[in-house]
Amino acid sequence: LVTAGESPESSSETLDAQTSKREALQLLVRTREGVPIGSFSEADLDEMSELLERHEDRIVLTRAGRLLANEVALRLIDAI
């Protein structure tokens, strides 16, 4: 395809702002960088204290949180 001058892309989609934000959070929460803490209330963070830890102005998954990353991401999305 590429040598013929055609795009190898088979399909694409355009995400609205909310969906894009959710997908970014789902990816970022799994990284060492984590997620900016500013989007979440103290109550939200306290509720997930065994799954998240604070590093300056960011939150990252704990060891237990990494095992439940999908659930944590969904709970964080619900909190924003």
N, C-alpha and C. Protein backbone atom coordinates (compact mmCIF):
# COMPACT_ATOMS: atom_id res chain seq x y z
N LEU A 1 0.80 -1.20 0.00
CA LEU A 1 0.00 0.00 0.00
C LEU A 1 0.85 1.27 0.00
N VAL A 2 1.82 1.32 0.89
CA VAL A 2 2.64 2.52 1.00
C VAL A 2 3.44 2.75 -0.27
N THR A 3 4.02 1.69 -0.81
CA THR A 3 4.81 1.85 -2.03
C THR A 3 3.95 2.26 -3.21
N ALA A 4 2.66 1.96 -3.14
CA ALA A 4 1.74 2.36 -4.20
C ALA A 4 1.20 3.77 -3.97
N GLY A 5 1.67 4.42 -2.90
CA GLY A 5 1.22 5.77 -2.61
C GLY A 5 -0.10 5.83 -1.87
N GLU A 6 -0.58 4.69 -1.38
CA GLU A 6 -1.83 4.64 -0.64
C GLU A 6 -1.55 4.66 0.86
N SER A 7 -2.49 5.17 1.61
CA SER A 7 -2.37 5.21 3.06
C SER A 7 -2.62 3.82 3.65
N PRO A 8 -1.80 3.39 4.61
CA PRO A 8 -2.04 2.11 5.26
C PRO A 8 -3.17 2.18 6.29
N GLU A 9 -3.67 3.38 6.54
CA GLU A 9 -4.75 3.57 7.50
C GLU A 9 -6.03 2.95 6.96
N SER A 10 -6.61 2.03 7.75
CA SER A 10 -7.83 1.37 7.28
C SER A 10 -9.08 2.13 7.69
N SER A 11 -9.02 2.83 8.82
CA SER A 11 -10.16 3.62 9.26
C SER A 11 -9.70 4.62 10.31
N SER A 12 -10.55 5.54 10.63
CA SER A 12 -10.25 6.51 11.68
C SER A 12 -11.57 6.99 12.27
N GLU A 13 -11.46 7.64 13.41
CA GLU A 13 -12.65 8.21 14.02
C GLU A 13 -12.28 9.54 14.64
N THR A 14 -13.25 10.41 14.74
CA THR A 14 -13.06 11.70 15.36
C THR A 14 -13.76 11.66 16.71
N LEU A 15 -13.01 11.98 17.76
CA LEU A 15 -13.57 11.93 19.11
C LEU A 15 -14.00 13.32 19.55
N ASP A 16 -15.12 13.38 20.27
CA ASP A 16 -15.52 14.66 20.84
C ASP A 16 -14.60 14.95 22.03
N ALA A 17 -14.66 16.16 22.54
CA ALA A 17 -13.75 16.59 23.60
C ALA A 17 -13.85 15.72 24.85
N GLN A 18 -15.06 15.37 25.25
CA GLN A 18 -15.26 14.56 26.45
C GLN A 18 -14.67 13.16 26.29
N THR A 19 -14.91 12.54 25.16
CA THR A 19 -14.38 11.20 24.90
C THR A 19 -12.86 11.24 24.83
N SER A 20 -12.33 12.26 24.21
CA SER A 20 -10.88 12.42 24.11
C SER A 20 -10.26 12.56 25.50
N LYS A 21 -10.90 13.34 26.36
CA LYS A 21 -10.41 13.53 27.73
C LYS A 21 -10.44 12.22 28.51
N ARG A 22 -11.50 11.45 28.35
CA ARG A 22 -11.62 10.15 29.03
C ARG A 22 -10.54 9.18 28.57
N GLU A 23 -10.32 9.12 27.28
CA GLU A 23 -9.32 8.20 26.74
C GLU A 23 -7.92 8.61 27.19
N ALA A 24 -7.65 9.90 27.23
CA ALA A 24 -6.35 10.38 27.70
C ALA A 24 -6.14 9.99 29.16
N LEU A 25 -7.17 10.14 29.98
CA LEU A 25 -7.06 9.77 31.39
C LEU A 25 -6.80 8.27 31.53
N GLN A 26 -7.50 7.45 30.76
CA GLN A 26 -7.30 6.00 30.82
C GLN A 26 -5.87 5.62 30.47
N LEU A 27 -5.26 6.34 29.56
CA LEU A 27 -3.87 6.05 29.19
C LEU A 27 -2.90 6.63 30.22
N LEU A 28 -3.09 7.88 30.61
CA LEU A 28 -2.16 8.54 31.53
C LEU A 28 -2.10 7.87 32.90
N VAL A 29 -3.22 7.40 33.39
CA VAL A 29 -3.24 6.81 34.73
C VAL A 29 -2.34 5.58 34.79
N ARG A 30 -2.08 4.97 33.66
CA ARG A 30 -1.24 3.77 33.62
C ARG A 30 0.26 4.09 33.48
N THR A 31 0.61 5.35 33.37
CA THR A 31 2.01 5.73 33.19
C THR A 31 2.65 6.15 34.51
N ARG A 32 3.97 6.22 34.52
CA ARG A 32 4.68 6.71 35.71
C ARG A 32 4.38 8.17 35.97
N GLU A 33 4.06 8.90 34.90
CA GLU A 33 3.73 10.32 35.02
C GLU A 33 2.43 10.52 35.78
N GLY A 34 1.48 9.63 35.57
CA GLY A 34 0.20 9.72 36.25
C GLY A 34 -0.70 10.81 35.69
N VAL A 35 -1.63 11.24 36.51
CA VAL A 35 -2.67 12.19 36.12
C VAL A 35 -2.58 13.44 37.00
N PRO A 36 -2.79 14.63 36.43
CA PRO A 36 -2.81 15.84 37.27
C PRO A 36 -3.85 15.72 38.37
N ILE A 37 -3.47 16.11 39.56
CA ILE A 37 -4.34 15.94 40.72
C ILE A 37 -5.48 16.96 40.75
N GLY A 38 -5.32 18.08 40.07
CA GLY A 38 -6.27 19.18 40.16
C GLY A 38 -7.70 18.87 39.76
N SER A 39 -7.92 17.83 39.02
CA SER A 39 -9.26 17.51 38.54
C SER A 39 -10.11 16.76 39.56
N PHE A 40 -9.52 16.39 40.70
CA PHE A 40 -10.21 15.51 41.63
C PHE A 40 -10.32 16.12 43.02
N SER A 41 -11.42 15.84 43.69
CA SER A 41 -11.63 16.35 45.04
C SER A 41 -10.87 15.49 46.04
N GLU A 42 -10.65 16.04 47.21
CA GLU A 42 -10.00 15.28 48.28
C GLU A 42 -10.80 14.03 48.62
N ALA A 43 -12.13 14.15 48.61
CA ALA A 43 -12.98 13.00 48.91
C ALA A 43 -12.78 11.88 47.90
N ASP A 44 -12.69 12.24 46.61
CA ASP A 44 -12.45 11.24 45.57
C ASP A 44 -11.12 10.53 45.80
N LEU A 45 -10.10 11.30 46.12
CA LEU A 45 -8.76 10.74 46.31
C LEU A 45 -8.69 9.90 47.58
N ASP A 46 -9.33 10.36 48.64
CA ASP A 46 -9.35 9.60 49.89
C ASP A 46 -10.04 8.25 49.70
N GLU A 47 -11.11 8.25 48.91
CA GLU A 47 -11.87 7.03 48.65
C GLU A 47 -11.02 5.97 47.95
N MET A 48 -10.04 6.41 47.17
CA MET A 48 -9.20 5.48 46.41
C MET A 48 -7.75 5.49 46.92
N SER A 49 -7.56 5.81 48.19
CA SER A 49 -6.21 5.99 48.73
C SER A 49 -5.35 4.73 48.67
N GLU A 50 -5.94 3.55 48.68
CA GLU A 50 -5.16 2.32 48.57
C GLU A 50 -4.77 2.02 47.13
N LEU A 51 -5.41 2.70 46.18
CA LEU A 51 -5.17 2.44 44.77
C LEU A 51 -4.35 3.54 44.10
N LEU A 52 -4.29 4.70 44.74
CA LEU A 52 -3.59 5.86 44.18
C LEU A 52 -2.66 6.46 45.21
N GLU A 53 -1.55 7.03 44.75
CA GLU A 53 -0.69 7.79 45.64
C GLU A 53 -0.33 9.12 44.99
N ARG A 54 -0.06 10.08 45.83
CA ARG A 54 0.23 11.43 45.34
C ARG A 54 1.73 11.61 45.16
N HIS A 55 2.09 12.22 44.07
CA HIS A 55 3.47 12.61 43.78
C HIS A 55 3.41 14.06 43.33
N GLU A 56 3.69 14.96 44.27
CA GLU A 56 3.60 16.39 44.03
C GLU A 56 2.21 16.76 43.53
N ASP A 57 2.08 17.20 42.27
CA ASP A 57 0.78 17.65 41.77
C ASP A 57 0.11 16.59 40.88
N ARG A 58 0.52 15.33 41.05
CA ARG A 58 -0.02 14.25 40.21
C ARG A 58 -0.40 13.06 41.08
N ILE A 59 -1.24 12.20 40.53
CA ILE A 59 -1.56 10.94 41.20
C ILE A 59 -1.15 9.79 40.29
N VAL A 60 -0.62 8.75 40.91
CA VAL A 60 -0.20 7.56 40.17
C VAL A 60 -0.77 6.33 40.86
N LEU A 61 -0.81 5.25 40.13
CA LEU A 61 -1.34 4.00 40.67
C LEU A 61 -0.36 3.38 41.66
N THR A 62 -0.89 2.85 42.75
CA THR A 62 -0.08 2.04 43.66
C THR A 62 0.05 0.65 43.04
N ARG A 63 0.78 -0.21 43.70
CA ARG A 63 0.89 -1.59 43.21
C ARG A 63 -0.50 -2.23 43.10
N ALA A 64 -1.32 -2.06 44.13
CA ALA A 64 -2.69 -2.59 44.10
C ALA A 64 -3.50 -1.92 42.99
N GLY A 65 -3.29 -0.63 42.80
CA GLY A 65 -4.00 0.11 41.76
C GLY A 65 -3.66 -0.37 40.37
N ARG A 66 -2.39 -0.75 40.16
CA ARG A 66 -1.99 -1.27 38.84
C ARG A 66 -2.73 -2.55 38.50
N LEU A 67 -3.02 -3.35 39.51
CA LEU A 67 -3.76 -4.59 39.27
C LEU A 67 -5.21 -4.32 38.90
N LEU A 68 -5.71 -3.16 39.30
CA LEU A 68 -7.10 -2.78 39.05
C LEU A 68 -7.18 -1.52 38.19
N ALA A 69 -6.24 -1.34 37.28
CA ALA A 69 -6.12 -0.10 36.51
C ALA A 69 -7.39 0.26 35.76
N ASN A 70 -8.07 -0.70 35.17
CA ASN A 70 -9.31 -0.39 34.45
C ASN A 70 -10.37 0.16 35.39
N GLU A 71 -10.54 -0.48 36.52
CA GLU A 71 -11.54 -0.02 37.50
C GLU A 71 -11.18 1.37 38.03
N VAL A 72 -9.92 1.58 38.34
CA VAL A 72 -9.48 2.89 38.83
C VAL A 72 -9.74 3.96 37.78
N ALA A 73 -9.40 3.68 36.54
CA ALA A 73 -9.63 4.66 35.46
C ALA A 73 -11.10 5.00 35.35
N LEU A 74 -11.96 4.00 35.42
CA LEU A 74 -13.41 4.27 35.34
C LEU A 74 -13.88 5.11 36.51
N ARG A 75 -13.38 4.83 37.71
CA ARG A 75 -13.77 5.62 38.88
C ARG A 75 -13.27 7.06 38.76
N LEU A 76 -12.07 7.24 38.23
CA LEU A 76 -11.55 8.60 38.03
C LEU A 76 -12.37 9.35 36.99
N ILE A 77 -12.75 8.67 35.94
CA ILE A 77 -13.59 9.30 34.90
C ILE A 77 -14.91 9.74 35.50
N ASP A 78 -15.51 8.90 36.33
CA ASP A 78 -16.78 9.26 36.98
C ASP A 78 -16.62 10.46 37.90
N ALA A 79 -15.42 10.65 38.44
CA ALA A 79 -15.17 11.73 39.39
C ALA A 79 -14.96 13.09 38.72
N ILE A 80 -14.69 13.10 37.41
CA ILE A 80 -14.45 14.39 36.75
C ILE A 80 -15.71 14.92 36.10
